[in-house]
Every structure is written in C-alpha cells, then in structure tokens.
Amino acid sequence: MNKNKFILCMFLVLSVSVFCASCKKEEKAAAAKAERQYAVVLDKASVSSVQDYLTVNGEVQSKTNVAIYPEIGGKVSSLSVELGDKVSKNQVISYVDPSKPGSYYSQSPVKAPIAGTVTEIVSRPGTTVTTNTAIVKIGDIKNLVTYAYIPERYVGELNLGLDVDIMLPAYPDEVFKGKIARISPVIDPVSRTKQVEIEFVGYDERINSGMFPKLKIYTSIYDDKIVVPSETVVTRGDTDFVYTVVKNEEGKDIARRIPVKKLVTVDDRLVIASGISAGDTIIVEGMEILIDGALVNVMTK
C-alpha cells in the first residue's frame, strides 16, 4: 500500500514538472515572438512629376491615298506605271479599251487625279474592269500618319497635340515621335473606340505605309505630387497604407501604419493623393510581412 502511494506521488510530481516545463517553454516562445525584430529600410517621400500614358497599337497609312478608276468599262489595254513609280497630276497611267465584238471604240485614258507614288497595282493589262474597278492606287508616301483606336474608357484623356512615342518592329531600338493631330468626334458603336490621327514629327524614309507600330500616348501630367515606389504601398482589404518607424514607450523602434489615398500608378511609381507629406520617412523595404506595432531593425540602404 505504502509502495503504491509512493509511486502515485512520484507520478504526480513528474506530471507537474512536465506541465511547468511546457508552460515555461510556451512563455519563452511567446516572449521570443513578441521580441522578434524585422529588418527594414527607410527612405523619405519626395515631390516629383509623373506623366501617365496609354499603350495601343496603330497602323501607318498615307494621309492621301486614292484609288484610280476608269471612266468607262472595258479591258485594260496598257499600263505605263509600276509599283513605287512617281506620277504627276493628270498624268495618263493606263488605257481602257471599251470595244466589244463587232464594234470598235477609241481607247479611254485613265489619268492620275493627284500627284504621288504608286502604292498598289490593282488591275494589269488584259483585265476586264468596270467603273467600280480600281486600276492603281496612288498615295503621298511623304505625308504619312498613324491611325489608332482608343477604348471608350480612355477618351477623356485625349487632347490635340498630345505627344506620342511610335515604336516600329522593324526598328526595335528607335523611338519615332508624333503628335495627335485629329480626334474623331464620335465613338464607333461596334468597337466602342474613338479614332485618332497621329502625325509624325519629321519625315523618315524608313517609315512605310502599312506598318503596324506600338504607340505610347502621353496623357495627364501630375506635377509636384508625392511619389513613392509602388511596392511600398500595402493593401489589406479596402485600405491602402504605408509604414513608418516610431519609438514605443520602451524607446524601441516599431512599425506604425499610415493610411494613404492612391491617385495613379505609372510603371513602378505611385502618386499619393493624401496621407503623407514630402519629407516623411517611410519603410521602402521589408514592409510586406509587417503588422502595426511590430519591432523593427532599421538597416542602412
């Protein structure tokens, strides 16, 4: 009996010891977690200017591009021009023979209504044509423009004279310059887009009608705004905020959350509408895993 009581007492003592050790271990873990410091890097919010832009595709075309039609139907009997030839206004470029079996008519000349360059041969000699069949197409290849179609949601950003960067696949290392010269007064009801005409700044013989460039249309300018790297703003739920560093009651550095209102993001730069001011110190590295009040260790950038 005494032996059994002794064994029971020893078991109880051992259980209490294990329980106390477990509690101390949990307390140490909690304390260690509470004292955990997160390495962060600080920087100051600065005032800067940012220009927003739209990126769309376009098509290069001759501003003047005319299809030449005969005045009478028949068979094309001759063609005096070829692709790339320059022609003058009223120059005869072709003749159409309206004769039919059993009858003979004088050949009808086809004249160029404008001066330009032959951009396409539509009907060659021997082809039967009507007054609705083009013989050739003539364009002014030195007066090229780019047409682009802007989605409806962006039309409020459009204005005459906006600068445009024009990137051509044939010349990937160069940027050609242009400006918006005309804006359609209507939106296409099918595509929900608005057409804009972009004129090149200067003539460059490397640019050809029919090219499909990528366009960067510069729109709104945000002058003298608070600009921060976009990754410094953390979003949780519906709230956007940045972190700064303050001292707690014990004199230790802790992270403090500051709600902000975003205005616009351009590439990797974010314009802040409100929440922080120029010169405010914010955390620019290490903010992803922070919580409000977390201990931080400020590192040198």
Protein backbone atom coordinates (compact mmCIF):
# COMPACT_ATOMS: atom_id res chain seq x y z
CA MET A 1 0.00 0.00 0.00
CA ASN A 2 2.74 2.41 1.01
CA LYS A 3 4.62 1.46 -2.12
CA ASN A 4 1.63 2.24 -4.31
CA LYS A 5 1.18 5.63 -2.64
CA PHE A 6 4.83 6.40 -3.24
CA ILE A 7 4.58 5.53 -6.92
CA LEU A 8 1.45 7.66 -7.26
CA CYS A 9 3.14 10.61 -5.60
CA MET A 10 6.14 10.31 -7.88
CA PHE A 11 3.88 10.20 -10.93
CA LEU A 12 2.08 13.34 -9.80
CA VAL A 13 5.35 15.16 -9.16
CA LEU A 14 6.66 14.16 -12.58
CA SER A 15 3.44 15.29 -14.28
CA VAL A 16 3.56 18.67 -12.56
CA SER A 17 7.21 19.11 -13.56
CA VAL A 18 6.46 18.29 -17.21
CA PHE A 19 3.49 20.68 -17.20
CA CYS A 20 5.54 23.51 -15.70
CA ALA A 21 8.37 22.94 -18.18
CA SER A 22 5.87 23.03 -21.05
CA CYS A 23 4.36 26.28 -19.77
CA LYS A 24 7.79 27.88 -19.46
CA LYS A 25 8.64 26.77 -23.00
CA GLU A 26 5.44 28.33 -24.38
CA GLU A 27 6.08 31.52 -22.42
CA LYS A 28 9.62 31.74 -23.82
CA ALA A 29 8.33 31.15 -27.36
CA ALA A 30 5.69 33.84 -26.92
CA ALA A 31 8.25 36.23 -25.50
CA ALA A 32 10.64 35.48 -28.33
CA LYS A 33 7.88 36.10 -30.85
CA ALA A 34 6.96 39.37 -29.15
CA GLU A 35 10.61 40.49 -29.27
CA ARG A 36 11.12 39.46 -32.91
CA GLN A 37 12.57 42.28 -34.97
CA TYR A 38 12.02 42.77 -38.69
CA ALA A 39 14.77 44.26 -40.82
CA VAL A 40 13.54 47.30 -42.75
CA VAL A 41 14.98 50.07 -44.90
CA LEU A 42 13.77 53.67 -44.72
CA ASP A 43 13.56 56.46 -47.24
CA LYS A 44 11.83 59.83 -47.47
CA ALA A 45 8.76 60.58 -49.55
CA SER A 46 9.64 63.07 -52.25
CA VAL A 47 7.87 65.52 -54.54
CA SER A 48 8.10 64.72 -58.22
CA SER A 49 6.21 64.89 -61.52
CA VAL A 50 4.75 61.89 -63.31
CA GLN A 51 3.14 61.67 -66.74
CA ASP A 52 0.60 58.97 -67.40
CA TYR A 53 0.26 57.27 -70.79
CA LEU A 54 -1.81 54.88 -72.87
CA THR A 55 -0.36 51.98 -74.85
CA VAL A 56 -2.21 50.97 -78.01
CA ASN A 57 -1.47 49.59 -81.48
CA GLY A 58 -1.71 51.65 -84.65
CA GLU A 59 -1.42 51.48 -88.42
CA VAL A 60 0.68 53.71 -90.67
CA GLN A 61 -1.12 54.99 -93.76
CA SER A 62 -0.66 57.64 -96.43
CA LYS A 63 -2.71 60.64 -95.46
CA THR A 64 -3.65 60.93 -99.11
CA ASN A 65 -4.30 57.54 -100.69
CA VAL A 66 -6.50 57.42 -103.80
CA ALA A 67 -7.79 54.52 -105.86
CA ILE A 68 -7.89 55.38 -109.58
CA TYR A 69 -10.96 54.19 -111.51
CA PRO A 70 -11.65 54.26 -115.27
CA GLU A 71 -14.40 56.44 -116.67
CA ILE A 72 -15.73 53.58 -118.78
CA GLY A 73 -15.73 49.80 -118.51
CA GLY A 74 -13.73 47.52 -120.78
CA LYS A 75 -10.39 45.76 -120.93
CA VAL A 76 -7.15 47.29 -119.66
CA SER A 77 -5.04 47.60 -122.79
CA SER A 78 -1.92 49.22 -121.32
CA LEU A 79 -0.38 50.31 -118.03
CA SER A 80 2.51 52.80 -118.02
CA VAL A 81 3.40 52.75 -114.31
CA GLU A 82 4.69 50.20 -111.82
CA LEU A 83 4.77 49.89 -108.06
CA GLY A 84 6.78 52.71 -106.49
CA ASP A 85 6.71 54.98 -109.56
CA LYS A 86 6.10 58.68 -109.00
CA VAL A 87 3.31 60.24 -111.03
CA SER A 88 2.14 63.80 -111.56
CA LYS A 89 -1.37 65.14 -111.53
CA ASN A 90 -3.32 64.41 -114.76
CA GLN A 91 -0.62 62.01 -115.98
CA VAL A 92 -2.05 59.20 -118.12
CA ILE A 93 -1.27 55.95 -116.33
CA SER A 94 -3.39 53.50 -118.29
CA TYR A 95 -5.77 52.97 -121.23
CA VAL A 96 -9.02 51.02 -121.22
CA ASP A 97 -10.43 49.58 -124.46
CA PRO A 98 -14.23 49.61 -124.29
CA SER A 99 -14.57 47.80 -127.66
CA LYS A 100 -16.79 44.72 -127.95
CA PRO A 101 -17.01 42.09 -130.69
CA GLY A 102 -18.48 43.74 -133.77
CA SER A 103 -17.79 47.27 -132.62
CA TYR A 104 -14.79 49.49 -132.15
CA TYR A 105 -14.32 52.45 -129.77
CA SER A 106 -11.45 54.76 -129.04
CA GLN A 107 -9.39 53.77 -126.03
CA SER A 108 -10.20 55.70 -122.88
CA PRO A 109 -7.26 57.22 -120.94
CA VAL A 110 -7.06 56.81 -117.15
CA LYS A 111 -5.44 59.82 -115.50
CA ALA A 112 -3.99 60.36 -112.04
CA PRO A 113 -6.13 62.89 -110.15
CA ILE A 114 -3.28 63.73 -107.77
CA ALA A 115 0.49 63.67 -107.70
CA GLY A 116 2.04 60.88 -105.63
CA THR A 117 3.57 57.44 -105.69
CA VAL A 118 2.01 54.23 -106.96
CA THR A 119 1.36 52.15 -103.84
CA GLU A 120 -0.60 49.29 -105.43
CA ILE A 121 -1.30 47.83 -108.87
CA VAL A 122 -4.87 46.55 -108.83
CA SER A 123 -5.60 45.75 -112.49
CA ARG A 124 -3.00 44.78 -115.08
CA PRO A 125 -3.31 44.73 -118.88
CA GLY A 126 -5.84 42.16 -120.06
CA THR A 127 -8.05 42.59 -117.01
CA THR A 128 -11.69 43.40 -117.66
CA VAL A 129 -12.77 46.33 -115.50
CA THR A 130 -15.85 48.39 -114.75
CA THR A 131 -16.18 51.92 -113.45
CA ASN A 132 -16.10 50.39 -109.96
CA THR A 133 -12.82 48.53 -110.53
CA ALA A 134 -9.62 50.33 -109.50
CA ILE A 135 -6.63 50.34 -111.85
CA VAL A 136 -3.98 51.52 -109.37
CA LYS A 137 -3.71 53.23 -106.02
CA ILE A 138 -1.67 56.39 -105.55
CA GLY A 139 -0.54 57.85 -102.25
CA ASP A 140 1.66 60.61 -100.87
CA ILE A 141 4.29 58.46 -99.14
CA LYS A 142 5.99 61.53 -97.66
CA ASN A 143 2.82 62.54 -95.86
CA LEU A 144 2.25 59.56 -93.57
CA VAL A 145 0.07 59.38 -90.49
CA THR A 146 -0.73 56.72 -87.94
CA TYR A 147 -4.29 55.82 -87.04
CA ALA A 148 -5.13 54.36 -83.63
CA TYR A 149 -8.36 53.36 -81.95
CA ILE A 150 -8.70 54.35 -78.29
CA PRO A 151 -11.06 52.39 -75.97
CA GLU A 152 -14.02 54.39 -74.73
CA ARG A 153 -12.88 54.36 -71.11
CA TYR A 154 -9.78 56.39 -72.05
CA VAL A 155 -11.28 59.02 -74.38
CA GLY A 156 -11.46 61.55 -71.55
CA GLU A 157 -7.64 61.61 -71.59
CA LEU A 158 -7.41 62.61 -75.26
CA ASN A 159 -6.42 66.09 -76.43
CA LEU A 160 -5.00 67.55 -79.60
CA GLY A 161 -1.23 67.94 -79.52
CA LEU A 162 -0.50 65.11 -77.09
CA ASP A 163 2.99 63.66 -77.58
CA VAL A 164 3.24 60.11 -78.90
CA ASP A 165 6.14 57.66 -78.96
CA ILE A 166 5.95 55.43 -82.03
CA MET A 167 7.77 52.08 -81.90
CA LEU A 168 8.15 50.11 -85.13
CA PRO A 169 9.00 46.37 -85.05
CA ALA A 170 11.42 46.90 -87.95
CA TYR A 171 13.49 49.31 -85.80
CA PRO A 172 13.19 47.99 -82.22
CA ASP A 173 15.94 50.24 -80.82
CA GLU A 174 14.45 53.52 -82.07
CA VAL A 175 11.53 55.66 -80.98
CA PHE A 176 9.88 57.88 -83.57
CA LYS A 177 7.99 60.95 -82.41
CA GLY A 178 4.46 62.05 -83.23
CA LYS A 179 1.57 64.20 -82.07
CA ILE A 180 -2.18 63.74 -82.05
CA ALA A 181 -3.44 65.90 -84.95
CA ARG A 182 -7.12 64.91 -85.14
CA ILE A 183 -9.65 63.17 -82.92
CA SER A 184 -12.87 61.67 -84.21
CA PRO A 185 -15.96 63.40 -82.81
CA VAL A 186 -17.79 60.08 -82.42
CA ILE A 187 -17.29 56.67 -80.83
CA ASP A 188 -17.71 53.61 -83.01
CA PRO A 189 -20.86 51.85 -81.73
CA VAL A 190 -19.47 48.38 -82.50
CA SER A 191 -15.89 48.53 -81.23
CA ARG A 192 -16.58 51.23 -78.59
CA THR A 193 -13.44 53.05 -79.66
CA LYS A 194 -12.55 56.51 -80.94
CA GLN A 195 -10.19 57.03 -83.86
CA VAL A 196 -7.24 59.40 -83.53
CA GLU A 197 -4.87 60.56 -86.26
CA ILE A 198 -1.22 60.93 -85.29
CA GLU A 199 1.20 62.92 -87.43
CA PHE A 200 4.91 62.11 -87.47
CA VAL A 201 7.34 64.80 -86.34
CA GLY A 202 9.50 65.00 -89.46
CA TYR A 203 9.78 62.72 -92.48
CA ASP A 204 11.78 59.49 -92.29
CA GLU A 205 12.05 57.32 -95.41
CA ARG A 206 12.31 54.18 -93.25
CA ILE A 207 8.66 54.56 -92.25
CA ASN A 208 6.33 52.87 -94.72
CA SER A 209 2.60 52.84 -95.18
CA GLY A 210 1.13 49.59 -93.87
CA MET A 211 3.42 49.26 -90.84
CA PHE A 212 1.82 48.38 -87.50
CA PRO A 213 3.56 50.32 -84.71
CA LYS A 214 3.08 50.20 -80.97
CA LEU A 215 2.11 53.61 -79.60
CA LYS A 216 2.66 55.26 -76.24
CA ILE A 217 0.31 58.24 -75.98
CA TYR A 218 1.29 60.58 -73.14
CA THR A 219 -1.76 61.94 -71.33
CA SER A 220 -2.18 63.52 -67.87
CA ILE A 221 0.75 65.17 -66.10
CA TYR A 222 0.84 65.10 -62.30
CA ASP A 223 3.12 67.94 -61.26
CA ASP A 224 4.57 68.44 -57.77
CA LYS A 225 2.97 65.35 -56.26
CA ILE A 226 4.13 62.95 -53.55
CA VAL A 227 5.60 59.99 -55.45
CA VAL A 228 6.74 56.71 -53.88
CA PRO A 229 7.79 53.32 -55.29
CA SER A 230 4.57 51.39 -55.92
CA GLU A 231 5.69 48.38 -53.83
CA THR A 232 5.89 50.50 -50.66
CA VAL A 233 2.09 50.77 -50.50
CA VAL A 234 0.48 47.72 -48.83
CA THR A 235 -3.17 46.88 -49.38
CA ARG A 236 -5.18 44.96 -46.78
CA GLY A 237 -8.84 44.64 -47.58
CA ASP A 238 -10.06 48.02 -48.81
CA THR A 239 -7.31 50.00 -47.08
CA ASP A 240 -4.05 51.22 -48.60
CA PHE A 241 -1.24 52.25 -46.29
CA VAL A 242 2.50 52.72 -45.86
CA TYR A 243 4.63 52.08 -42.79
CA THR A 244 6.80 54.48 -40.90
CA VAL A 245 9.01 53.92 -37.83
CA VAL A 246 8.35 55.44 -34.39
CA LYS A 247 9.58 54.83 -30.85
CA ASN A 248 7.41 52.89 -28.39
CA GLU A 249 7.21 53.55 -24.63
CA GLU A 250 10.37 51.49 -24.11
CA GLY A 251 12.28 53.51 -26.68
CA LYS A 252 12.33 50.72 -29.25
CA ASP A 253 11.68 51.16 -32.97
CA ILE A 254 8.27 49.89 -34.07
CA ALA A 255 6.36 49.98 -37.34
CA ARG A 256 3.40 52.35 -37.50
CA ARG A 257 0.75 52.10 -40.19
CA ILE A 258 -0.28 55.27 -42.08
CA PRO A 259 -3.40 55.10 -44.32
CA VAL A 260 -2.94 56.75 -47.71
CA LYS A 261 -5.06 57.51 -50.76
CA LYS A 262 -3.64 56.47 -54.12
CA LEU A 263 -4.04 58.70 -57.16
CA VAL A 264 -2.43 56.84 -60.06
CA THR A 265 0.28 54.28 -60.73
CA VAL A 266 2.66 54.83 -63.65
CA ASP A 267 5.08 51.97 -64.23
CA ASP A 268 6.66 51.37 -60.80
CA ARG A 269 5.87 54.84 -59.38
CA LEU A 270 2.76 55.63 -57.38
CA VAL A 271 1.31 59.11 -56.91
CA ILE A 272 -0.14 59.66 -53.43
CA ALA A 273 -3.20 61.91 -53.14
CA SER A 274 -3.18 62.19 -49.33
CA GLY A 275 -1.85 60.59 -46.16
CA ILE A 276 1.83 61.54 -46.20
CA SER A 277 3.80 64.68 -46.97
CA ALA A 278 7.14 65.46 -48.59
CA GLY A 279 9.99 64.50 -46.28
CA ASP A 280 8.01 61.92 -44.30
CA THR A 281 10.09 58.83 -43.54
CA ILE A 282 8.54 55.60 -44.80
CA ILE A 283 9.62 51.96 -44.97
CA VAL A 284 10.60 51.05 -48.53
CA GLU A 285 11.93 47.53 -47.94
CA GLY A 286 10.70 44.82 -45.61
CA MET A 287 7.10 46.09 -45.26
CA GLU A 288 5.43 43.02 -46.80
CA ILE A 289 5.28 40.96 -43.56
CA LEU A 290 4.90 43.79 -41.07
CA ILE A 291 1.98 44.40 -38.72
CA ASP A 292 1.20 47.59 -36.87
CA GLY A 293 3.42 47.83 -33.78
CA ALA A 294 5.96 45.20 -34.86
CA LEU A 295 9.52 45.72 -33.64
CA VAL A 296 11.87 46.70 -36.47
CA ASN A 297 15.58 46.91 -37.01
CA VAL A 298 16.42 49.81 -39.29
CA MET A 299 19.06 48.83 -41.82
CA THR A 300 21.22 51.08 -43.98
CA LYS A 301 20.22 51.08 -47.63
